[in-house]
Amino acid sequence: GKEKIMYAMTSIKGVGRRYSNIVLKKADIDITKRAGEITEEELERIMEIMQNPREYKIPDYFLNRKKDIKDGKYSQVLSNQLDNKLREDLERLKKIRAHRGLRHYWGLR
């Protein structure tokens, strides 16, 4: 609760300083606020924007999942989803015998 909200959000996997900054600006929340001072309503707004960043006009280049292989969509992937997507990508690279996939398979990366 003592950390500034912008930096507290970076403890979520898949959220960096710039992404947390733009989310807080879209939610109209003061970035100098401490994490413990956030109200339930503000928390709901933050969660809503992080779930649907494109609806709130966050540009595509800010998102960490561009042109997904399966559906071609842009999205921000967080926490457990991030691990799953990374594992799926590596499995796909191994399956198609790409150089990067082989390096992972051999344990060099």
Protein backbone atom coordinates (compact mmCIF):
# COMPACT_ATOMS: atom_id res chain seq x y z
CA GLY A 1 0.00 0.00 0.00
CA LYS A 2 2.86 2.51 0.40
CA GLU A 3 4.22 2.25 -3.15
CA LYS A 4 2.98 4.65 -5.84
CA ILE A 5 0.22 3.02 -7.89
CA MET A 6 2.12 3.27 -11.17
CA TYR A 7 5.01 1.22 -9.78
CA ALA A 8 2.78 -1.10 -7.76
CA MET A 9 1.04 -2.17 -10.98
CA THR A 10 4.37 -3.27 -12.47
CA SER A 11 4.44 -6.19 -10.02
CA ILE A 12 1.75 -7.77 -12.23
CA LYS A 13 3.45 -9.94 -14.83
CA GLY A 14 2.98 -8.44 -18.29
CA VAL A 15 2.61 -4.83 -17.04
CA GLY A 16 5.49 -2.39 -17.36
CA ARG A 17 5.92 1.22 -16.31
CA ARG A 18 4.73 2.71 -19.59
CA TYR A 19 1.67 0.48 -19.82
CA SER A 20 0.67 1.17 -16.21
CA ASN A 21 1.17 4.90 -16.85
CA ILE A 22 -1.13 4.97 -19.89
CA VAL A 23 -3.78 2.83 -18.11
CA LEU A 24 -3.84 5.25 -15.17
CA LYS A 25 -4.13 8.23 -17.52
CA LYS A 26 -7.06 6.60 -19.37
CA ALA A 27 -8.72 5.86 -16.00
CA ASP A 28 -8.21 9.49 -14.84
CA ILE A 29 -6.29 8.42 -11.74
CA ASP A 30 -3.50 10.55 -10.28
CA ILE A 31 -0.19 8.69 -10.80
CA THR A 32 1.24 10.17 -7.59
CA LYS A 33 -1.39 8.33 -5.53
CA ARG A 34 -0.22 5.48 -3.31
CA ALA A 35 -1.51 1.96 -3.94
CA GLY A 36 -3.29 1.85 -0.56
CA GLU A 37 -5.25 5.02 -1.36
CA ILE A 38 -7.01 3.56 -4.41
CA THR A 39 -10.78 3.17 -4.00
CA GLU A 40 -12.77 0.14 -5.15
CA GLU A 41 -14.32 2.18 -7.98
CA GLU A 42 -10.89 3.26 -9.26
CA LEU A 43 -9.65 -0.33 -9.03
CA GLU A 44 -12.62 -1.50 -11.12
CA ARG A 45 -11.81 1.14 -13.77
CA ILE A 46 -8.16 0.05 -13.87
CA MET A 47 -9.12 -3.61 -14.23
CA GLU A 48 -11.65 -2.84 -16.98
CA ILE A 49 -9.10 -0.86 -19.00
CA MET A 50 -6.42 -3.54 -18.56
CA GLN A 51 -8.86 -6.24 -19.74
CA ASN A 52 -9.96 -4.28 -22.86
CA PRO A 53 -7.16 -1.85 -23.78
CA ARG A 54 -8.20 -1.36 -27.41
CA GLU A 55 -11.70 -0.21 -26.42
CA TYR A 56 -10.08 2.62 -24.46
CA LYS A 57 -7.94 3.71 -27.44
CA ILE A 58 -4.62 2.42 -26.13
CA PRO A 59 -2.47 2.17 -29.30
CA ASP A 60 -1.56 -1.25 -30.69
CA TYR A 61 2.17 -0.66 -30.29
CA PHE A 62 1.69 -0.52 -26.49
CA LEU A 63 0.28 -4.04 -26.33
CA ASN A 64 2.49 -7.06 -25.69
CA ARG A 65 0.65 -9.52 -27.96
CA LYS A 66 0.59 -8.22 -31.52
CA LYS A 67 -1.10 -10.14 -34.37
CA ASP A 68 -1.67 -13.36 -32.44
CA ILE A 69 -0.92 -16.43 -34.58
CA LYS A 70 -4.29 -18.10 -33.92
CA ASP A 71 -6.74 -15.21 -34.28
CA GLY A 72 -4.66 -12.28 -35.57
CA LYS A 73 -5.80 -9.99 -32.75
CA TYR A 74 -3.84 -7.44 -30.73
CA SER A 75 -4.11 -7.80 -26.94
CA GLN A 76 -2.36 -7.27 -23.63
CA VAL A 77 -1.58 -10.61 -22.00
CA LEU A 78 -1.22 -10.67 -18.21
CA SER A 79 0.10 -13.09 -15.53
CA ASN A 80 -0.81 -16.75 -16.18
CA GLN A 81 -1.98 -16.10 -19.74
CA LEU A 82 1.48 -14.71 -20.52
CA ASP A 83 3.16 -17.96 -19.43
CA ASN A 84 0.67 -20.03 -21.42
CA LYS A 85 1.12 -17.97 -24.60
CA LEU A 86 4.92 -18.16 -24.32
CA ARG A 87 4.78 -21.93 -23.87
CA GLU A 88 2.39 -22.28 -26.84
CA ASP A 89 4.68 -20.16 -29.02
CA LEU A 90 7.73 -22.22 -28.10
CA GLU A 91 5.86 -25.46 -28.76
CA ARG A 92 4.82 -24.12 -32.18
CA LEU A 93 8.41 -23.14 -32.98
CA LYS A 94 9.63 -26.60 -31.96
CA LYS A 95 6.89 -28.27 -34.00
CA ILE A 96 7.76 -26.40 -37.20
CA ARG A 97 11.47 -27.03 -36.48
CA ALA A 98 12.36 -23.33 -36.53
CA HIS A 99 15.89 -22.40 -35.47
CA ARG A 100 14.63 -20.62 -32.35
CA GLY A 101 12.47 -23.61 -31.42
CA LEU A 102 15.37 -26.02 -31.85
CA ARG A 103 17.58 -23.84 -29.62
CA HIS A 104 14.92 -24.07 -26.90
CA TYR A 105 14.61 -27.82 -27.45
CA TRP A 106 18.37 -28.29 -27.06
CA GLY A 107 18.36 -26.18 -23.89
CA LEU A 108 20.61 -23.46 -25.28
CA ARG A 109 18.02 -20.69 -24.74
